[in-house]
Structures are given as structure tokens and as C-alpha cells.
C-alpha atoms as a PDB file:
ATOM      1  CA  UNK A   1     -33.934  19.170   3.740  1.00  0.00           C
ATOM      2  CA  UNK A   2     -33.404  17.182   0.715  1.00  0.00           C
ATOM      3  CA  UNK A   3     -29.832  18.358   0.530  1.00  0.00           C
ATOM      4  CA  UNK A   4     -29.214  17.183   4.112  1.00  0.00           C
ATOM      5  CA  UNK A   5     -30.524  13.857   3.432  1.00  0.00           C
ATOM      6  CA  UNK A   6     -28.191  13.495   0.383  1.00  0.00           C
ATOM      7  CA  UNK A   7     -25.184  14.657   2.490  1.00  0.00           C
ATOM      8  CA  UNK A   8     -25.933  12.282   5.290  1.00  0.00           C
ATOM      9  CA  UNK A   9     -26.436   9.302   2.857  1.00  0.00           C
ATOM     10  CA  UNK A  10     -23.080  10.277   1.192  1.00  0.00           C
ATOM     11  CA  UNK A  11     -21.202  10.549   4.401  1.00  0.00           C
ATOM     12  CA  UNK A  12     -22.785   7.167   5.701  1.00  0.00           C
ATOM     13  CA  UNK A  13     -21.661   5.427   2.315  1.00  0.00           C
ATOM     14  CA  UNK A  14     -18.194   6.953   2.626  1.00  0.00           C
ATOM     15  CA  UNK A  15     -17.851   5.817   6.157  1.00  0.00           C
ATOM     16  CA  UNK A  16     -19.093   2.148   5.335  1.00  0.00           C
ATOM     17  CA  UNK A  17     -16.681   1.961   2.400  1.00  0.00           C
ATOM     18  CA  UNK A  18     -13.801   3.122   4.495  1.00  0.00           C
ATOM     19  CA  UNK A  19     -14.511   0.637   7.312  1.00  0.00           C
ATOM     20  CA  UNK A  20     -15.031  -2.235   4.809  1.00  0.00           C
ATOM     21  CA  UNK A  21     -11.626  -1.240   3.193  1.00  0.00           C
ATOM     22  CA  UNK A  22      -9.865  -1.290   6.352  1.00  0.00           C
ATOM     23  CA  UNK A  23     -11.325  -4.651   7.554  1.00  0.00           C
ATOM     24  CA  UNK A  24     -10.499  -6.177   4.090  1.00  0.00           C
ATOM     25  CA  UNK A  25      -6.876  -4.915   4.342  1.00  0.00           C
ATOM     26  CA  UNK A  26      -6.430  -6.211   7.958  1.00  0.00           C
ATOM     27  CA  UNK A  27      -7.740  -9.528   7.003  1.00  0.00           C
ATOM     28  CA  UNK A  28      -5.587  -9.987   3.847  1.00  0.00           C
ATOM     29  CA  UNK A  29      -2.323 -11.752   4.040  1.00  0.00           C
ATOM     30  CA  UNK A  30      -0.873  -9.748   1.193  1.00  0.00           C
ATOM     31  CA  UNK A  31       0.444  -6.261   1.635  1.00  0.00           C
ATOM     32  CA  UNK A  32      -1.554  -3.540   0.109  1.00  0.00           C
ATOM     33  CA  UNK A  33       1.376  -2.318  -2.062  1.00  0.00           C
ATOM     34  CA  UNK A  34       4.324  -4.011  -3.417  1.00  0.00           C
ATOM     35  CA  UNK A  35       7.101  -3.944  -0.822  1.00  0.00           C
ATOM     36  CA  UNK A  36      10.640  -2.754  -1.797  1.00  0.00           C
ATOM     37  CA  UNK A  37      13.495  -4.744  -0.271  1.00  0.00           C
ATOM     38  CA  UNK A  38      16.356  -3.235   1.638  1.00  0.00           C
ATOM     39  CA  UNK A  39      19.875  -4.624   1.095  1.00  0.00           C
ATOM     40  CA  UNK A  40      22.836  -3.684   3.279  1.00  0.00           C
ATOM     41  CA  UNK A  41      26.567  -4.449   3.165  1.00  0.00           C
ATOM     42  CA  UNK A  42      28.445  -3.350   6.360  1.00  0.00           C
ATOM     43  CA  UNK A  43      25.389  -1.504   7.543  1.00  0.00           C
ATOM     44  CA  UNK A  44      25.322   0.609   4.290  1.00  0.00           C
ATOM     45  CA  UNK A  45      22.432   0.552   1.911  1.00  0.00           C
ATOM     46  CA  UNK A  46      22.813  -1.077  -1.537  1.00  0.00           C
ATOM     47  CA  UNK A  47      21.333   0.868  -4.471  1.00  0.00           C
ATOM     48  CA  UNK A  48      18.599  -0.989  -6.075  1.00  0.00           C
ATOM     49  CA  UNK A  49      16.684  -0.370  -9.355  1.00  0.00           C
ATOM     50  CA  UNK A  50      13.125  -1.473  -9.756  1.00  0.00           C
ATOM     51  CA  UNK A  51      13.051  -3.963 -12.329  1.00  0.00           C
ATOM     52  CA  UNK A  52       9.533  -5.561 -12.577  1.00  0.00           C
ATOM     53  CA  UNK A  53       6.537  -6.149 -10.512  1.00  0.00           C
ATOM     54  CA  UNK A  54       3.064  -7.504 -10.625  1.00  0.00           C
ATOM     55  CA  UNK A  55       0.561  -6.533  -7.723  1.00  0.00           C
ATOM     56  CA  UNK A  56      -2.905  -7.470  -8.804  1.00  0.00           C
ATOM     57  CA  UNK A  57      -5.699  -8.363  -6.410  1.00  0.00           C
ATOM     58  CA  UNK A  58      -8.437 -10.969  -6.906  1.00  0.00           C
ATOM     59  CA  UNK A  59     -10.668  -8.351  -8.808  1.00  0.00           C
ATOM     60  CA  UNK A  60      -7.847  -7.853 -11.227  1.00  0.00           C
ATOM     61  CA  UNK A  61      -7.150  -4.346 -10.038  1.00  0.00           C
ATOM     62  CA  UNK A  62      -3.556  -3.293  -9.197  1.00  0.00           C
ATOM     63  CA  UNK A  63      -0.468  -2.485 -11.157  1.00  0.00           C
ATOM     64  CA  UNK A  64       2.367  -4.065 -13.059  1.00  0.00           C
ATOM     65  CA  UNK A  65       5.502  -2.781 -14.507  1.00  0.00           C
ATOM     66  CA  UNK A  66       7.966  -4.390 -17.064  1.00  0.00           C
ATOM     67  CA  UNK A  67      11.271  -2.773 -17.522  1.00  0.00           C
ATOM     68  CA  UNK A  68      14.526  -2.989 -19.437  1.00  0.00           C
ATOM     69  CA  UNK A  69      17.044  -5.724 -18.902  1.00  0.00           C
ATOM     70  CA  UNK A  70      18.971  -5.795 -15.692  1.00  0.00           C
ATOM     71  CA  UNK A  71      22.316  -4.800 -17.418  1.00  0.00           C
ATOM     72  CA  UNK A  72      20.800  -1.554 -18.678  1.00  0.00           C
ATOM     73  CA  UNK A  73      19.047  -0.867 -15.381  1.00  0.00           C
ATOM     74  CA  UNK A  74      22.168  -0.979 -13.364  1.00  0.00           C
ATOM     75  CA  UNK A  75      24.203   1.180 -15.657  1.00  0.00           C
ATOM     76  CA  UNK A  76      23.510   4.237 -13.608  1.00  0.00           C
ATOM     77  CA  UNK A  77      23.453   2.936 -10.102  1.00  0.00           C
ATOM     78  CA  UNK A  78      26.609   2.844  -7.901  1.00  0.00           C
ATOM     79  CA  UNK A  79      27.963  -0.680  -7.376  1.00  0.00           C
ATOM     80  CA  UNK A  80      28.792  -1.875  -3.922  1.00  0.00           C
ATOM     81  CA  UNK A  81      32.386  -2.982  -3.396  1.00  0.00           C
ATOM     82  CA  UNK A  82      32.464  -6.055  -1.401  1.00  0.00           C
ATOM     83  CA  UNK A  83      35.084  -8.700  -0.351  1.00  0.00           C
ATOM     84  CA  UNK A  84      34.799 -12.312  -1.534  1.00  0.00           C
ATOM     85  CA  UNK A  85      32.354 -14.383   0.486  1.00  0.00           C
ATOM     86  CA  UNK A  86      31.076 -11.437   2.600  1.00  0.00           C
ATOM     87  CA  UNK A  87      27.435 -11.419   3.477  1.00  0.00           C
ATOM     88  CA  UNK A  88      24.813  -9.061   2.337  1.00  0.00           C
ATOM     89  CA  UNK A  89      21.641  -8.673   4.469  1.00  0.00           C
ATOM     90  CA  UNK A  90      18.111  -8.287   2.797  1.00  0.00           C
ATOM     91  CA  UNK A  91      14.802  -7.379   4.380  1.00  0.00           C
ATOM     92  CA  UNK A  92      11.329  -7.056   2.805  1.00  0.00           C
ATOM     93  CA  UNK A  93       9.500  -4.698   5.132  1.00  0.00           C
ATOM     94  CA  UNK A  94       5.820  -5.943   4.768  1.00  0.00           C
ATOM     95  CA  UNK A  95       2.965  -7.186   6.703  1.00  0.00           C
ATOM     96  CA  UNK A  96       3.758 -10.787   5.717  1.00  0.00           C
ATOM     97  CA  UNK A  97       6.802 -12.664   4.643  1.00  0.00           C
ATOM     98  CA  UNK A  98       7.155 -13.543   0.929  1.00  0.00           C
ATOM     99  CA  UNK A  99       6.371 -17.156   0.394  1.00  0.00           C
ATOM    100  CA  UNK A 100       9.652 -17.250  -1.672  1.00  0.00           C
ATOM    101  CA  UNK A 101      12.633 -15.075  -2.232  1.00  0.00           C
ATOM    102  CA  UNK A 102      14.896 -15.738  -5.192  1.00  0.00           C
ATOM    103  CA  UNK A 103      18.340 -14.057  -5.831  1.00  0.00           C
ATOM    104  CA  UNK A 104      19.467 -14.622  -9.413  1.00  0.00           C
ATOM    105  CA  UNK A 105      22.829 -13.788 -11.050  1.00  0.00           C
ATOM    106  CA  UNK A 106      22.574 -12.315 -14.441  1.00  0.00           C
ATOM    107  CA  UNK A 107      25.195 -13.738 -16.872  1.00  0.00           C
ATOM    108  CA  UNK A 108      23.971 -11.688 -19.905  1.00  0.00           C
ATOM    109  CA  UNK A 109      21.038  -9.236 -20.460  1.00  0.00           C
ATOM    110  CA  UNK A 110      18.881 -12.261 -21.441  1.00  0.00           C
ATOM    111  CA  UNK A 111      20.268 -15.017 -19.197  1.00  0.00           C
ATOM    112  CA  UNK A 112      20.210 -15.454 -15.477  1.00  0.00           C
ATOM    113  CA  UNK A 113      20.986 -18.384 -13.102  1.00  0.00           C
ATOM    114  CA  UNK A 114      19.500 -18.966  -9.719  1.00  0.00           C
ATOM    115  CA  UNK A 115      21.923 -17.991  -7.103  1.00  0.00           C
ATOM    116  CA  UNK A 116      19.966 -18.598  -3.756  1.00  0.00           C
ATOM    117  CA  UNK A 117      16.424 -19.339  -2.730  1.00  0.00           C
ATOM    118  CA  UNK A 118      14.603 -18.664   0.564  1.00  0.00           C
ATOM    119  CA  UNK A 119      11.189 -19.789   1.819  1.00  0.00           C
ATOM    120  CA  UNK A 120       9.007 -17.698   4.217  1.00  0.00           C
ATOM    121  CA  UNK A 121      11.894 -15.262   5.052  1.00  0.00           C
ATOM    122  CA  UNK A 122      11.642 -11.501   5.390  1.00  0.00           C
ATOM    123  CA  UNK A 123      15.223 -11.040   6.740  1.00  0.00           C
ATOM    124  CA  UNK A 124      18.020 -13.033   5.229  1.00  0.00           C
ATOM    125  CA  UNK A 125      21.730 -13.024   4.206  1.00  0.00           C
ATOM    126  CA  UNK A 126      23.357 -13.710   0.933  1.00  0.00           C
ATOM    127  CA  UNK A 127      26.935 -14.746   0.704  1.00  0.00           C
ATOM    128  CA  UNK A 128      28.849 -13.087  -2.082  1.00  0.00           C
ATOM    129  CA  UNK A 129      30.844 -14.862  -4.861  1.00  0.00           C
ATOM    130  CA  UNK A 130      34.409 -15.841  -4.140  1.00  0.00           C
ATOM    131  CA  UNK A 131      35.874 -14.725  -7.457  1.00  0.00           C
ATOM    132  CA  UNK A 132      36.694 -11.141  -8.218  1.00  0.00           C
ATOM    133  CA  UNK A 133      34.564  -9.328 -10.804  1.00  0.00           C
ATOM    134  CA  UNK A 134      31.378  -7.270 -11.360  1.00  0.00           C
ATOM    135  CA  UNK A 135      27.966  -9.065 -10.741  1.00  0.00           C
ATOM    136  CA  UNK A 136      24.648  -8.043 -11.441  1.00  0.00           C
ATOM    137  CA  UNK A 137      21.970  -9.764  -9.223  1.00  0.00           C
ATOM    138  CA  UNK A 138      18.123  -9.500  -8.952  1.00  0.00           C
ATOM    139  CA  UNK A 139      16.098 -10.039  -5.761  1.00  0.00           C
ATOM    140  CA  UNK A 140      12.595 -11.259  -6.290  1.00  0.00           C
ATOM    141  CA  UNK A 141       9.955 -11.559  -3.629  1.00  0.00           C
ATOM    142  CA  UNK A 142       6.871 -13.657  -4.328  1.00  0.00           C
ATOM    143  CA  UNK A 143       3.697 -13.679  -2.119  1.00  0.00           C
ATOM    144  CA  UNK A 144       1.597 -15.514  -4.577  1.00  0.00           C
ATOM    145  CA  UNK A 145       1.075 -15.869  -8.419  1.00  0.00           C
ATOM    146  CA  UNK A 146      -0.219 -12.240  -8.790  1.00  0.00           C
ATOM    147  CA  UNK A 147       1.977 -10.505  -6.070  1.00  0.00           C
ATOM    148  CA  UNK A 148       5.623 -10.401  -7.089  1.00  0.00           C
ATOM    149  CA  UNK A 149       8.357  -7.790  -7.070  1.00  0.00           C
ATOM    150  CA  UNK A 150      11.802  -7.842  -8.617  1.00  0.00           C
ATOM    151  CA  UNK A 151      14.795  -5.331  -8.080  1.00  0.00           C
ATOM    152  CA  UNK A 152      18.246  -5.385  -9.446  1.00  0.00           C
ATOM    153  CA  UNK A 153      21.669  -4.492  -8.001  1.00  0.00           C
ATOM    154  CA  UNK A 154      25.365  -4.457  -8.794  1.00  0.00           C
ATOM    155  CA  UNK A 155      28.312  -5.711  -6.804  1.00  0.00           C
ATOM    156  CA  UNK A 156      31.997  -5.446  -7.447  1.00  0.00           C
ATOM    157  CA  UNK A 157      34.070  -8.218  -5.762  1.00  0.00           C
ATOM    158  CA  UNK A 158      37.609  -6.973  -5.355  1.00  0.00           C
END
């Protein structure tokens, strides 16, 4: 009898915690996990490397990742060959749109410049540079101060 009461109490507690978790997730404007962007050129996926992310809730629980510089991260990913001024589409598949999306062009391992900025956009287009060369870019989505994600990719303009 005593074991049945413990089992019923445990099951009740598990159900309540699960329901509260579901309600909290549905009411949150922030996705549960850091979304990965999708980039496409001529309907082909562009290879991305995860650079950094911070995904921490208000209880200071979550995850963060710091990584190597974008030049090192893109050494082993296949670059996409694009034509000058062609467009690349991007998409963050998530419950809500990032408040800001930043595309940065990396000049050196420690220096980047802002290339494009978008507000409240999940789907967007990026116009490639007009000059030939190899370019390393990062795409960053920011939902708030503690929910950001950054990925890097390489493009060859021919």
C-alpha cells in the first residue's frame, strides 16, 4: 500500500512537471533550442560551420559555445561558387523570428565588418559581392541578449 502511494505521488509529480514545461514552452517567445540557419544558392544548401552560440534562459540554464576563428572553421567546408551579385537565401526555422540577423564579412581571423543587417526576419536574401575572390561570412541570429547563434560559411565569387 505504501509503495502504491509513492508510485502514484511520483507519477502525479511527473505529469504536473511535464504539463508545466509544455505550457511554459508554448508561452515563451524564444525557441527551446538554438536554431540553425539554412542557406541556399540556386536551391543548393550551403555548408555551414557552427561558430558560437549562447542559449541561456532566465534561470541561467542553457548552453554556450565558443569556437575557433571563422578562417580556421571554414578550412574544411566546401565553398559555394557563386556569380557576382547573385542572391543567397537564408532561413532560421524557429518558433519566432530573430529580432536581428547580422551578416558579417571576415577580413582576417580577428577582423570582420558588417555586411548586411535584417530586423524581425526569418527568411531573407543576401546579395553577394561584385568582385571575384574567396569570402568568409558569418550569419548571426539574435532573439535577445542571452539567445544568439552564429554560423560561418565560405563563398567563392568567380
